[in-house]
Protein backbone atom coordinates (compact mmCIF):
# COMPACT_ATOMS: atom_id res chain seq x y z
CA MET A 1 -55.54 200.35 178.52
CA TYR A 2 -56.29 202.20 181.70
CA ARG A 3 -57.30 205.96 181.31
CA GLN A 4 -59.12 207.06 184.51
CA ILE A 5 -58.51 205.67 187.86
CA LEU A 6 -60.24 205.88 191.06
CA VAL A 7 -58.65 205.45 194.44
CA PRO A 8 -61.29 205.84 197.61
CA LEU A 9 -59.67 207.47 200.98
CA ASP A 10 -61.23 207.39 204.70
CA GLY A 11 -58.33 209.80 206.08
CA SER A 12 -56.12 207.06 207.30
CA ALA A 13 -52.17 206.03 206.31
CA PHE A 14 -53.74 202.33 205.92
CA ALA A 15 -56.15 203.44 203.16
CA GLU A 16 -53.55 205.72 201.32
CA ALA A 17 -51.44 201.91 200.97
CA ALA A 18 -53.41 201.81 198.06
CA LEU A 19 -51.80 205.14 196.48
CA PRO A 20 -48.32 203.99 195.40
CA LEU A 21 -49.79 201.32 193.07
CA ALA A 22 -52.22 203.56 191.58
CA LEU A 23 -49.32 206.10 190.85
CA GLU A 24 -47.37 203.54 189.61
CA ILE A 25 -50.17 202.51 187.07
CA THR A 26 -50.80 206.36 185.79
CA ARG A 27 -46.93 206.64 185.43
CA ARG A 28 -46.86 203.48 182.75
CA THR A 29 -50.33 204.51 181.34
CA GLY A 30 -51.00 208.19 181.52
CA ALA A 31 -53.68 207.36 183.14
CA ASP A 32 -55.69 210.44 185.39
CA LEU A 33 -55.93 209.92 189.04
CA SER A 34 -59.30 210.83 191.21
CA LEU A 35 -58.94 210.42 194.99
CA ALA A 36 -62.29 210.43 196.52
CA THR A 37 -63.99 210.53 199.89
CA VAL A 38 -67.50 209.98 201.50
CA LEU A 39 -69.20 211.51 204.22
CA GLU A 40 -71.86 209.53 205.54
CA PRO A 41 -74.51 211.05 208.07
CA VAL A 42 -73.35 210.39 211.85
CA THR A 43 -75.99 211.15 214.49
CA SER A 44 -73.60 210.57 217.35
CA PHE A 45 -71.44 213.83 215.77
CA ALA A 46 -74.59 215.62 214.88
CA TYR A 47 -74.22 219.37 216.45
CA GLU A 48 -74.76 222.69 214.49
CA GLY A 49 -71.85 223.28 212.15
CA TRP A 50 -70.59 219.38 212.09
CA GLU A 51 -70.99 219.02 208.43
CA GLY A 52 -69.47 221.98 207.17
CA ALA A 53 -66.60 221.35 209.21
CA ALA A 54 -66.27 217.53 208.24
CA VAL A 55 -66.80 218.59 204.78
CA GLU A 56 -63.92 221.29 205.09
CA TRP A 57 -61.70 218.69 206.78
CA SER A 58 -62.19 216.15 203.89
CA ARG A 59 -61.32 218.76 201.13
CA GLN A 60 -58.40 219.92 203.00
CA TYR A 61 -56.92 216.41 203.87
CA LEU A 62 -57.60 215.36 200.04
CA GLU A 63 -55.53 218.83 199.10
CA ASP A 64 -52.76 217.69 201.62
CA VAL A 65 -52.57 213.80 199.77
CA LEU A 66 -52.72 215.80 196.20
CA ASP A 67 -49.52 217.91 197.66
CA ARG A 68 -47.57 214.72 198.50
CA MET A 69 -48.18 213.10 195.27
CA GLU A 70 -46.77 216.15 193.46
CA GLY A 71 -44.90 214.89 190.28
CA GLN A 72 -45.58 211.48 190.86
CA CYS A 73 -48.69 210.95 188.63
CA GLY A 74 -48.52 210.02 185.08
CA GLY A 75 -51.96 212.07 184.48
CA GLU A 76 -53.61 214.49 185.58
CA LEU A 77 -54.87 214.78 189.53
CA ASP A 78 -58.17 215.43 190.95
CA HIS A 79 -60.21 214.90 194.32
CA THR A 80 -63.71 215.18 195.37
CA VAL A 81 -65.76 214.98 198.85
CA LEU A 82 -68.89 212.88 198.27
CA ASN A 83 -72.05 212.73 200.78
CA GLY A 84 -74.23 209.73 201.14
CA HIS A 85 -74.13 205.98 201.26
CA THR A 86 -70.46 205.16 200.63
CA VAL A 87 -70.59 202.55 198.16
CA GLU A 88 -73.14 204.01 196.31
CA MET A 89 -71.69 207.38 196.16
CA LEU A 90 -68.20 205.71 195.07
CA GLN A 91 -70.15 203.99 192.45
CA LYS A 92 -72.08 207.02 190.67
CA GLU A 93 -68.32 208.80 190.99
CA ALA A 94 -66.53 206.01 189.00
CA GLU A 95 -69.26 206.17 186.42
CA ALA A 96 -69.48 209.95 186.39
CA ARG A 97 -65.77 209.78 185.83
CA SER A 98 -65.60 207.07 183.30
CA ALA A 99 -63.38 205.12 185.53
CA ASP A 100 -62.03 201.89 184.29
CA LEU A 101 -59.93 200.80 187.35
CA VAL A 102 -60.38 201.48 190.96
CA VAL A 103 -57.58 200.64 193.60
CA MET A 104 -58.45 200.67 197.38
CA ALA A 105 -57.14 199.25 200.29
CA SER A 106 -59.03 196.44 201.50
CA HIS A 107 -59.78 197.85 205.10
CA GLY A 108 -59.02 200.88 207.09
CA ARG A 109 -60.41 203.59 209.71
CA GLY A 110 -60.89 207.29 209.04
CA ALA A 111 -61.29 210.21 211.35
CA PHE A 112 -64.93 210.98 210.34
CA SER A 113 -66.17 207.53 209.75
CA ARG A 114 -66.60 203.81 211.12
CA LEU A 115 -64.54 201.05 210.07
CA TRP A 116 -64.63 202.42 206.36
CA LEU A 117 -62.73 200.41 203.59
CA GLY A 118 -63.57 196.77 204.89
CA SER A 119 -67.18 196.83 204.21
CA VAL A 120 -66.74 199.62 201.60
CA ALA A 121 -64.22 197.32 199.66
CA ASP A 122 -66.74 194.17 199.96
CA GLY A 123 -69.89 196.19 198.91
CA PHE A 124 -68.12 197.92 196.10
CA VAL A 125 -66.86 194.44 194.27
CA ARG A 126 -70.11 193.02 194.65
CA GLN A 127 -71.75 195.96 193.00
CA THR A 128 -69.34 197.38 190.37
CA HIS A 129 -68.42 195.81 187.00
CA LEU A 130 -65.17 197.77 187.07
CA PRO A 131 -61.80 195.59 187.80
CA VAL A 132 -60.81 196.59 191.25
CA ILE A 133 -57.49 196.01 192.93
CA LEU A 134 -57.71 195.38 196.36
CA VAL A 135 -54.64 196.27 198.36
CA ARG A 136 -53.92 194.45 202.03
CA PRO A 137 -51.30 196.79 203.87
CA ASP A 138 -49.14 195.85 206.71
CA GLU A 139 -50.88 197.21 209.93
CA ASP A 140 -47.76 199.84 209.91
CA ALA A 141 -48.63 201.04 206.76
CA THR A 142 -47.20 204.58 206.11
CA PRO A 143 -48.68 207.31 203.67
CA VAL A 144 -47.33 207.78 200.15
CA GLU A 145 -44.20 206.70 199.40
CA ASP A 146 -42.35 205.16 196.01
CA PHE A 147 -43.38 202.14 194.64
CA THR A 148 -40.98 199.59 194.35
CA HIS A 149 -43.27 196.29 194.36
CA SER A 150 -42.64 194.35 191.02
CA PHE A 151 -45.33 192.08 189.51
CA GLU A 152 -43.12 189.26 187.73
CA THR A 153 -45.81 186.84 187.90
CA LEU A 154 -49.50 187.16 188.38
CA LEU A 155 -51.62 183.48 189.62
CA ILE A 156 -54.79 183.18 187.70
CA PRO A 157 -57.03 180.63 189.39
CA LEU A 158 -59.31 178.72 187.28
CA ASP A 159 -62.04 176.25 187.83
CA GLY A 160 -62.95 175.35 184.23
CA SER A 161 -66.09 178.13 184.02
CA GLU A 162 -66.10 181.22 181.41
CA LEU A 163 -66.57 182.81 184.88
CA SER A 164 -63.59 182.33 186.05
CA GLN A 165 -61.73 182.44 182.83
CA SER A 166 -63.19 186.37 182.41
CA ALA A 167 -60.37 187.46 185.24
CA MET A 168 -57.87 186.19 182.41
CA ALA A 169 -58.20 189.54 179.87
CA HIS A 170 -57.81 191.86 182.85
CA ALA A 171 -55.28 190.31 184.21
CA THR A 172 -53.15 190.29 180.85
CA GLU A 173 -54.27 193.89 180.50
CA PHE A 174 -52.66 194.84 183.97
CA GLY A 175 -49.72 191.94 183.75
CA GLU A 176 -48.59 193.69 180.00
CA LEU A 177 -47.98 197.03 182.04
CA PHE A 178 -45.34 195.24 183.94
CA ASP A 179 -44.22 192.79 181.40
CA SER A 180 -45.33 189.96 184.00
CA ALA A 181 -45.46 186.14 183.53
CA TYR A 182 -48.95 184.09 184.28
CA HIS A 183 -49.30 181.32 186.46
CA LEU A 184 -52.60 179.42 185.92
CA THR A 185 -53.96 176.84 188.81
CA ARG A 186 -56.70 174.72 189.14
CA VAL A 187 -57.53 173.46 192.87
CA VAL A 188 -58.63 170.05 193.13
CA THR A 189 -60.58 169.21 196.47
CA TYR A 190 -60.04 165.50 197.95
CA PRO A 191 -63.36 163.75 197.45
CA ILE A 192 -64.24 163.31 200.72
CA ASP A 193 -68.17 163.18 200.13
CA LEU A 194 -67.76 160.35 197.34
CA ALA A 195 -67.18 157.45 199.67
CA SER A 196 -66.07 156.51 202.97
CA PRO A 197 -62.24 155.39 203.66
CA TYR A 198 -63.78 152.90 206.39
CA LEU A 199 -65.47 150.93 203.66
CA PRO A 200 -63.67 148.19 201.38
CA HIS A 201 -61.63 149.34 198.66
CA THR A 202 -63.01 153.11 199.00
CA ALA A 203 -59.56 154.41 199.56
CA GLN A 204 -58.64 153.13 195.84
CA LEU A 205 -61.91 154.66 194.38
CA ASN A 206 -61.11 157.82 196.18
CA GLN A 207 -57.48 157.94 194.86
CA LYS A 208 -58.63 157.10 191.39
CA VAL A 209 -61.19 159.95 191.44
CA LEU A 210 -58.72 162.27 192.54
CA ASP A 211 -56.33 161.13 189.66
CA ASP A 212 -58.55 161.21 186.95
CA ALA A 213 -59.60 164.96 188.69
CA LYS A 214 -55.91 166.07 188.54
CA GLU A 215 -55.55 164.84 184.80
CA GLY A 216 -58.63 166.61 183.34
CA ALA A 217 -57.39 169.75 185.28
CA ALA A 218 -54.13 169.77 183.82
CA LYS A 219 -55.37 169.26 180.29
CA TYR A 220 -58.07 172.18 180.68
CA LEU A 221 -54.91 174.59 181.86
CA GLU A 222 -52.62 173.71 179.33
CA GLU A 223 -55.32 174.43 176.67
CA ARG A 224 -55.77 177.78 178.39
CA ALA A 225 -52.09 178.10 178.70
CA GLU A 226 -51.25 177.76 175.05
CA GLU A 227 -54.07 180.21 174.31
CA MET A 228 -52.11 182.59 176.12
CA ARG A 229 -48.77 181.60 174.88
CA ARG A 230 -49.84 182.14 171.21
CA ARG A 231 -50.08 185.87 171.97
CA GLY A 232 -46.60 185.67 173.21
CA LEU A 233 -46.99 185.48 176.73
CA ARG A 234 -45.33 183.34 179.38
CA VAL A 235 -47.50 181.08 181.34
CA THR A 236 -46.75 178.05 183.63
CA THR A 237 -49.42 175.80 185.27
CA SER A 238 -50.08 173.68 188.37
CA VAL A 239 -52.67 171.76 189.68
CA ALA A 240 -52.93 172.03 193.60
CA VAL A 241 -54.72 169.50 196.27
CA ASP A 242 -56.62 170.72 199.21
CA ALA A 243 -59.44 170.45 201.27
CA GLN A 244 -60.46 173.70 200.38
CA ALA A 245 -60.47 175.75 197.07
CA GLY A 246 -59.22 179.18 198.92
CA GLN A 247 -56.19 177.65 200.96
CA GLY A 248 -54.86 175.82 197.83
CA ILE A 249 -54.96 179.10 195.99
CA LEU A 250 -53.15 180.66 198.79
CA ALA A 251 -50.96 177.86 199.24
CA GLU A 252 -49.98 177.93 195.48
CA THR A 253 -49.75 181.95 195.61
CA GLU A 254 -46.44 181.33 197.86
CA ALA A 255 -45.15 178.09 196.01
CA VAL A 256 -44.73 179.97 192.96
CA GLY A 257 -43.74 183.66 194.31
CA ALA A 258 -46.87 184.96 192.61
CA ASP A 259 -47.16 188.84 193.55
CA MET A 260 -50.85 189.27 192.43
CA VAL A 261 -53.96 186.75 192.45
CA ALA A 262 -56.46 187.91 189.65
CA MET A 263 -60.14 186.37 190.01
CA ALA A 264 -63.52 187.13 189.01
CA THR A 265 -66.36 187.80 191.38
CA HIS A 266 -70.01 186.60 190.81
CA GLY A 267 -72.40 189.24 192.15
CA ARG A 268 -73.74 190.93 195.19
CA LYS A 269 -74.46 188.18 197.61
CA GLY A 270 -70.91 188.73 199.04
CA LEU A 271 -67.63 187.49 198.28
CA SER A 272 -68.61 184.03 199.16
CA ARG A 273 -70.23 183.59 195.96
CA VAL A 274 -66.56 184.97 194.33
CA VAL A 275 -65.85 181.95 191.51
CA LEU A 276 -64.40 178.96 192.78
CA GLY A 277 -66.86 178.92 195.65
CA SER A 278 -66.25 180.62 198.73
CA ALA A 279 -62.48 180.48 197.83
CA ALA A 280 -62.11 184.52 197.22
CA ASP A 281 -63.46 185.06 200.51
CA LYS A 282 -60.66 182.78 202.19
CA VAL A 283 -57.90 184.56 199.11
CA LEU A 284 -59.11 188.09 200.31
CA ARG A 285 -58.89 187.28 204.11
CA GLY A 286 -55.71 185.41 203.81
CA LEU A 287 -53.69 187.38 200.58
CA HIS A 288 -51.17 189.98 201.82
CA LYS A 289 -50.24 190.75 198.19
CA PRO A 290 -52.86 192.68 195.57
CA LEU A 291 -55.53 191.24 194.73
CA LEU A 292 -57.41 192.12 191.00
CA LEU A 293 -61.30 191.34 191.40
CA HIS A 294 -64.05 192.07 188.32
CA ARG A 295 -67.48 191.23 188.31
CA PRO A 296 -68.12 190.73 184.33
CA ASN A 297 -71.38 192.17 182.86
CA GLY A 298 -74.52 189.91 182.41
CA VAL A 299 -73.35 188.00 185.50
CA ASP A 300 -76.87 187.12 187.73
CA ASP A 301 -76.87 189.41 190.72
CA SER A 302 -79.61 187.57 192.80
């Protein structure tokens, strides 16, 4: 159960699009909510008194956000202004507050920063072991508003590895708050490297390899689904076929009407190293629904 949620903000309404979901989670759990913004040194803006003015502006901005959130949080509200490297300071803040969930927009632009939450979200996900919900708002995102989105179905892409399966625990923890159903999917890619279609009989061979892969994937997914069903969870499965895993995940998300995708990340070499190869980078860039990412403890950072 979530007890402490952190939401990084950069002064933009775009970044504030993460707040409605974070607030709804606090109302369902009683969790406390902390807002944080980070001031990085910007030499082009250097002038006497700039740092003090920036800190004061940031503090006033966060207080204004808290005023707009009055009565909407299920727990205590707090805020902080940090100075230093953004990803590092957010990680330290999360540790200091014993945060167990971070909710943030995937990118945004603040008044006293360069492009902020795009690279920050990528960097933070690569470094933290906390579950992170990335919200990709529409371009016309508005500040805090009532949360109306439901999470009827959570999609969990699996690739047969223990790493990919580690996303299931966090997905179900989140889904239990919204009485969600779960959809497990595995993307089988075309065996284009096995044999050339211009050679005799290779079309049949490729089809046989594809069929075998689909059969194995379906069996694997049903085994995982049965484990979840024994816990009283509602679970469906599907095997998708696509040239690229990321495209297949996005297509399945739309096909089943999923409201969130939950995946495990690999480590610090970027979202191209997320489970399912480069799939999660494709999902992050193309998904217009919340994405729950998690890098388990013990995963190699190299």
